[in-house]
Amino acid sequence: MISRNHFAELSRDWTRLGLEDPLWAVCVDPARRGGRWQLDDFLATGRAEITEVMLRLDQLGLCQSRMSALDFGCGVGRLTTALSVHFESVIGVDIAPSMIEHAQRLHSATGCAFKVNDRPDLSSFSDRSFDLVYSSLVLQHMPPALADSYIREFVRVVRPGGAIVLVVPETHRRTARGLVYAHVSRRLIRWIQVALFRYPAPMRMEAVPTSRIANVTGGGGAHIVASDPQLIPGCHWRMLRHYVGVTPLDRRSPGLAASPGVNSTELR
């Protein structure tokens, strides 16, 4: 069950981060905090990431159609615009209106579309709308039940033969801060982030283990094809980039539904 309060808290925190220090909130680097990201350098990180991802998709034989892509948790559009080089149309969605406002202003000439998604599902999109759903370092910031709800929706909105790419933390590292995230209560972590680290708003962190992703995606004709380690300097989590293939309809077993249907999880 997804708590309405948790969803509102998530929206409130990321709206505040988007107002105070949006580039740093998207790419957390102590040296770039306080508005010290240069926009060109910031966007270059997105181009480099997507270039690597597209080469890997080609190696794996995934997502051969490149009509449309969804950037879930797009922030200010760092990856959305990079995806637009490879896809005919790209839409970025985010829970924070402040982030979407930045994205629209920064990328008004790119042809990318940006919209606020203020629901625990993707009901504004039809089944099989995209060839690719990309989500980088987003799902760990929300309660597990909400992350699972979105992953099911990713499977629903991807066309057969398409792909889902997720960058998520598998587990914490045995660093001082990693052990804090593993063993200290979430309420205390929120206080530490704001009171001691002076974050504009807390950033929730949850592991998103491979086994959970496999369990959530398996019922909709999707499966993890590859899971590549991601080396992020100074990171206190072991990160993986998962490449999830959505099986073409003609290769599915007779008992497997062509589409898992809309997952309209209600807030309670």
Protein backbone atom coordinates (compact mmCIF):
# COMPACT_ATOMS: atom_id res chain seq x y z
CA MET A 1 0.00 0.00 0.00
CA ILE A 2 1.28 3.47 -0.91
CA SER A 3 0.75 6.17 1.69
CA ARG A 4 -0.68 9.47 0.49
CA ASN A 5 1.52 11.18 3.08
CA HIS A 6 4.68 9.54 1.73
CA PHE A 7 3.81 10.58 -1.82
CA ALA A 8 3.13 14.17 -0.73
CA GLU A 9 6.38 14.22 1.22
CA LEU A 10 8.30 13.03 -1.84
CA SER A 11 6.75 15.72 -4.01
CA ARG A 12 7.37 18.42 -1.40
CA ASP A 13 11.03 17.45 -0.87
CA TRP A 14 11.91 17.33 -4.57
CA THR A 15 10.03 20.53 -5.34
CA ARG A 16 12.15 22.24 -2.68
CA LEU A 17 15.35 20.72 -4.08
CA GLY A 18 14.33 21.91 -7.54
CA LEU A 19 13.85 25.45 -6.24
CA GLU A 20 17.04 25.65 -4.18
CA ASP A 21 19.79 23.77 -6.10
CA PRO A 22 18.35 21.75 -9.01
CA LEU A 23 21.55 20.74 -10.84
CA TRP A 24 23.26 19.57 -7.66
CA ALA A 25 20.13 17.65 -6.59
CA VAL A 26 20.23 15.76 -9.90
CA CYS A 27 24.02 15.13 -9.87
CA VAL A 28 25.13 15.22 -6.25
CA ASP A 29 28.76 16.36 -6.13
CA PRO A 30 30.02 18.22 -3.05
CA ALA A 31 32.25 20.38 -5.23
CA ARG A 32 29.26 21.55 -7.31
CA ARG A 33 26.90 22.35 -4.48
CA GLY A 34 25.40 25.82 -4.14
CA GLY A 35 24.93 26.48 -7.84
CA ARG A 36 28.51 25.60 -8.81
CA TRP A 37 27.60 23.25 -11.65
CA GLN A 38 28.42 24.78 -15.04
CA LEU A 39 25.49 23.99 -17.32
CA ASP A 40 27.66 22.76 -20.21
CA ASP A 41 29.56 20.37 -17.92
CA PHE A 42 26.32 19.19 -16.36
CA LEU A 43 24.69 18.41 -19.71
CA ALA A 44 27.88 16.72 -20.96
CA THR A 45 27.50 14.11 -18.21
CA GLY A 46 24.08 13.26 -19.63
CA ARG A 47 25.35 12.92 -23.18
CA ALA A 48 28.17 10.65 -22.04
CA GLU A 49 25.78 8.44 -20.04
CA ILE A 50 23.27 8.03 -22.88
CA THR A 51 26.00 7.36 -25.47
CA GLU A 52 27.21 4.49 -23.29
CA VAL A 53 23.67 3.18 -22.80
CA MET A 54 22.82 3.21 -26.51
CA LEU A 55 26.01 1.32 -27.38
CA ARG A 56 25.15 -1.28 -24.73
CA LEU A 57 21.59 -1.65 -26.04
CA ASP A 58 23.04 -2.32 -29.49
CA GLN A 59 25.41 -4.93 -28.06
CA LEU A 60 22.51 -6.66 -26.33
CA GLY A 61 20.24 -6.45 -29.39
CA LEU A 62 17.62 -4.50 -27.44
CA CYS A 63 15.37 -1.61 -28.41
CA GLN A 64 16.06 -1.77 -32.14
CA SER A 65 13.13 0.54 -32.83
CA ARG A 66 13.99 4.11 -31.83
CA MET A 67 10.71 5.98 -32.24
CA SER A 68 9.95 7.20 -28.71
CA ALA A 69 11.45 7.23 -25.24
CA LEU A 70 10.34 8.16 -21.73
CA ASP A 71 12.78 9.66 -19.22
CA PHE A 72 11.24 8.88 -15.83
CA GLY A 73 12.36 11.21 -13.04
CA CYS A 74 13.83 13.57 -15.61
CA GLY A 75 14.73 16.39 -13.23
CA VAL A 76 15.91 19.33 -15.33
CA GLY A 77 16.20 17.26 -18.51
CA ARG A 78 19.88 16.28 -18.40
CA LEU A 79 19.18 12.86 -19.92
CA THR A 80 16.01 13.75 -21.81
CA THR A 81 17.82 15.96 -24.28
CA ALA A 82 20.62 13.41 -24.65
CA LEU A 83 18.02 10.76 -25.54
CA SER A 84 16.53 13.07 -28.19
CA VAL A 85 19.63 12.51 -30.34
CA HIS A 86 18.68 8.83 -30.64
CA PHE A 87 14.84 8.89 -30.63
CA GLU A 88 12.31 10.74 -32.75
CA SER A 89 10.35 11.86 -29.69
CA VAL A 90 11.24 11.98 -26.00
CA ILE A 91 9.09 12.86 -22.99
CA GLY A 92 10.49 13.62 -19.55
CA VAL A 93 8.31 13.30 -16.45
CA ASP A 94 9.02 14.28 -12.87
CA ILE A 95 7.14 14.57 -9.59
CA ALA A 96 8.47 18.08 -8.92
CA PRO A 97 6.91 21.06 -10.75
CA SER A 98 10.04 23.11 -10.02
CA MET A 99 12.21 20.59 -11.90
CA ILE A 100 9.85 20.53 -14.88
CA GLU A 101 9.86 24.34 -15.03
CA HIS A 102 13.65 24.33 -15.21
CA ALA A 103 13.61 21.63 -17.90
CA GLN A 104 11.13 23.51 -20.05
CA ARG A 105 13.15 26.71 -19.79
CA LEU A 106 16.54 25.10 -20.43
CA HIS A 107 15.46 22.90 -23.35
CA SER A 108 12.71 24.85 -25.08
CA ALA A 109 14.43 24.52 -28.47
CA THR A 110 15.08 20.76 -28.35
CA GLY A 111 11.63 19.41 -29.19
CA CYS A 112 11.50 17.38 -25.98
CA ALA A 113 8.28 17.41 -23.97
CA PHE A 114 8.23 17.72 -20.19
CA LYS A 115 5.33 17.15 -17.81
CA VAL A 116 4.63 16.77 -14.12
CA ASN A 117 3.56 13.27 -13.15
CA ASP A 118 1.80 13.63 -9.80
CA ARG A 119 0.35 10.14 -9.62
CA PRO A 120 1.72 6.79 -8.36
CA ASP A 121 1.29 5.40 -11.88
CA LEU A 122 1.74 6.41 -15.53
CA SER A 123 -1.96 6.43 -16.38
CA SER A 124 -1.52 9.45 -18.67
CA PHE A 125 0.27 7.10 -21.11
CA SER A 126 -1.35 4.27 -23.05
CA ASP A 127 -0.08 0.69 -23.17
CA ARG A 128 2.92 0.20 -25.48
CA SER A 129 3.64 3.91 -25.94
CA PHE A 130 7.46 3.82 -25.85
CA ASP A 131 10.39 1.88 -27.22
CA LEU A 132 12.50 2.77 -24.20
CA VAL A 133 11.86 3.78 -20.60
CA TYR A 134 14.99 5.17 -18.96
CA SER A 135 15.27 5.94 -15.25
CA SER A 136 18.62 6.84 -13.72
CA LEU A 137 19.05 7.16 -9.95
CA VAL A 138 15.39 7.86 -9.27
CA LEU A 139 13.64 4.81 -7.83
CA GLN A 140 15.82 4.71 -4.71
CA HIS A 141 14.35 8.01 -3.55
CA MET A 142 10.87 6.61 -2.95
CA PRO A 143 9.18 3.96 -0.79
CA PRO A 144 9.66 0.43 -2.19
CA ALA A 145 5.93 -0.06 -2.85
CA LEU A 146 5.86 3.09 -4.98
CA ALA A 147 9.02 2.12 -6.86
CA ASP A 148 7.53 -1.31 -7.62
CA SER A 149 4.32 0.31 -8.84
CA TYR A 150 6.28 2.43 -11.31
CA ILE A 151 8.36 -0.51 -12.53
CA ARG A 152 5.15 -2.40 -13.36
CA GLU A 153 4.01 0.66 -15.25
CA PHE A 154 7.30 0.76 -17.18
CA VAL A 155 6.57 -2.75 -18.44
CA ARG A 156 3.07 -1.74 -19.42
CA VAL A 157 4.04 1.35 -21.43
CA VAL A 158 6.97 -0.24 -23.31
CA ARG A 159 6.27 -1.78 -26.69
CA PRO A 160 7.14 -5.46 -27.22
CA GLY A 161 10.74 -5.57 -28.40
CA GLY A 162 11.53 -2.43 -26.42
CA ALA A 163 13.62 -2.01 -23.29
CA ILE A 164 13.66 -0.57 -19.79
CA VAL A 165 16.96 0.71 -18.39
CA LEU A 166 17.21 1.32 -14.64
CA VAL A 167 20.16 2.72 -12.68
CA VAL A 168 19.59 1.88 -9.02
CA PRO A 169 21.50 0.98 -5.84
CA GLU A 170 21.72 -2.75 -5.21
CA THR A 171 22.91 -2.37 -1.61
CA HIS A 172 24.95 -0.04 0.60
CA ARG A 173 28.75 -0.12 0.72
CA ARG A 174 30.53 -0.65 4.01
CA THR A 175 31.54 2.98 4.35
CA ALA A 176 30.62 5.10 7.35
CA ARG A 177 27.80 6.82 5.50
CA GLY A 178 26.70 3.60 3.82
CA LEU A 179 26.35 1.91 7.20
CA VAL A 180 24.32 4.85 8.47
CA TYR A 181 21.88 4.46 5.57
CA ALA A 182 21.68 0.73 6.26
CA HIS A 183 21.05 0.84 9.99
CA VAL A 184 19.75 4.27 11.06
CA SER A 185 16.05 5.11 10.95
CA ARG A 186 14.78 7.09 7.98
CA ARG A 187 13.47 9.82 10.26
CA LEU A 188 16.91 10.34 11.78
CA ILE A 189 18.55 10.31 8.34
CA ARG A 190 16.18 13.07 7.21
CA TRP A 191 17.23 15.13 10.22
CA ILE A 192 20.96 14.49 9.59
CA GLN A 193 20.69 15.49 5.94
CA VAL A 194 18.98 18.79 6.71
CA ALA A 195 20.48 19.76 10.07
CA LEU A 196 24.07 18.53 9.66
CA PHE A 197 24.66 18.27 5.90
CA ARG A 198 22.49 21.34 5.17
CA TYR A 199 20.57 19.76 2.31
CA PRO A 200 17.75 22.04 1.10
CA ALA A 201 15.45 19.04 1.66
CA PRO A 202 16.01 15.37 2.54
CA MET A 203 16.81 12.76 -0.12
CA ARG A 204 15.36 9.39 0.80
CA MET A 205 17.62 6.43 -0.09
CA GLU A 206 16.44 2.83 -0.47
CA ALA A 207 18.13 -0.19 -2.01
CA VAL A 208 16.40 -1.56 -5.12
CA PRO A 209 17.77 -5.12 -5.31
CA THR A 210 17.95 -7.10 -8.53
CA SER A 211 15.75 -9.86 -7.12
CA ARG A 212 12.92 -7.39 -6.54
CA ILE A 213 13.14 -5.94 -10.04
CA ALA A 214 13.12 -9.44 -11.53
CA ASN A 215 10.06 -10.37 -9.48
CA VAL A 216 8.15 -7.21 -10.44
CA THR A 217 8.92 -7.34 -14.17
CA GLY A 218 8.62 -11.08 -14.70
CA GLY A 219 4.84 -11.24 -14.92
CA GLY A 220 4.56 -8.82 -17.82
CA GLY A 221 6.76 -10.49 -20.42
CA ALA A 222 9.93 -8.66 -19.36
CA HIS A 223 13.23 -9.99 -18.06
CA ILE A 224 16.61 -8.63 -16.99
CA VAL A 225 19.11 -9.19 -19.81
CA ALA A 226 22.16 -7.60 -18.19
CA SER A 227 23.13 -5.82 -14.97
CA ASP A 228 26.27 -3.70 -15.29
CA PRO A 229 28.12 -2.26 -12.26
CA GLN A 230 28.31 1.53 -12.19
CA LEU A 231 31.36 3.10 -10.60
CA ILE A 232 30.44 6.47 -9.11
CA PRO A 233 33.30 8.16 -7.20
CA GLY A 234 32.48 8.78 -3.56
CA CYS A 235 29.24 6.81 -3.74
CA HIS A 236 28.19 4.90 -0.63
CA TRP A 237 26.04 2.44 -2.57
CA ARG A 238 26.80 -0.40 -5.00
CA MET A 239 25.09 0.77 -8.17
CA LEU A 240 23.87 -1.34 -11.09
CA ARG A 241 22.48 -0.43 -14.48
CA HIS A 242 19.85 -3.01 -15.43
CA TYR A 243 18.84 -3.64 -19.03
CA VAL A 244 15.37 -5.15 -19.10
CA GLY A 245 14.05 -6.55 -22.36
CA VAL A 246 10.32 -6.64 -23.11
CA THR A 247 9.65 -9.82 -25.06
CA PRO A 248 8.09 -9.47 -28.54
CA LEU A 249 4.55 -10.85 -28.63
CA ASP A 250 5.40 -13.65 -31.07
CA ARG A 251 8.00 -15.04 -28.62
CA ARG A 252 5.84 -15.13 -25.51
CA SER A 253 4.46 -18.32 -24.10
CA PRO A 254 0.71 -18.87 -24.71
CA GLY A 255 -0.12 -18.41 -21.04
CA LEU A 256 1.54 -15.02 -20.75
CA ALA A 257 -0.65 -11.98 -21.17
CA ALA A 258 0.38 -9.54 -23.86
CA SER A 259 0.03 -6.64 -21.46
CA PRO A 260 -0.15 -6.55 -17.66
CA GLY A 261 -2.75 -3.79 -17.86
CA VAL A 262 -2.86 -0.45 -16.13
CA ASN A 263 -1.58 -0.55 -12.58
CA SER A 264 -3.72 2.19 -11.08
CA THR A 265 -2.43 1.95 -7.52
CA GLU A 266 -4.47 4.25 -5.30
CA LEU A 267 -3.06 6.48 -2.62
CA ARG A 268 -4.33 5.67 0.83
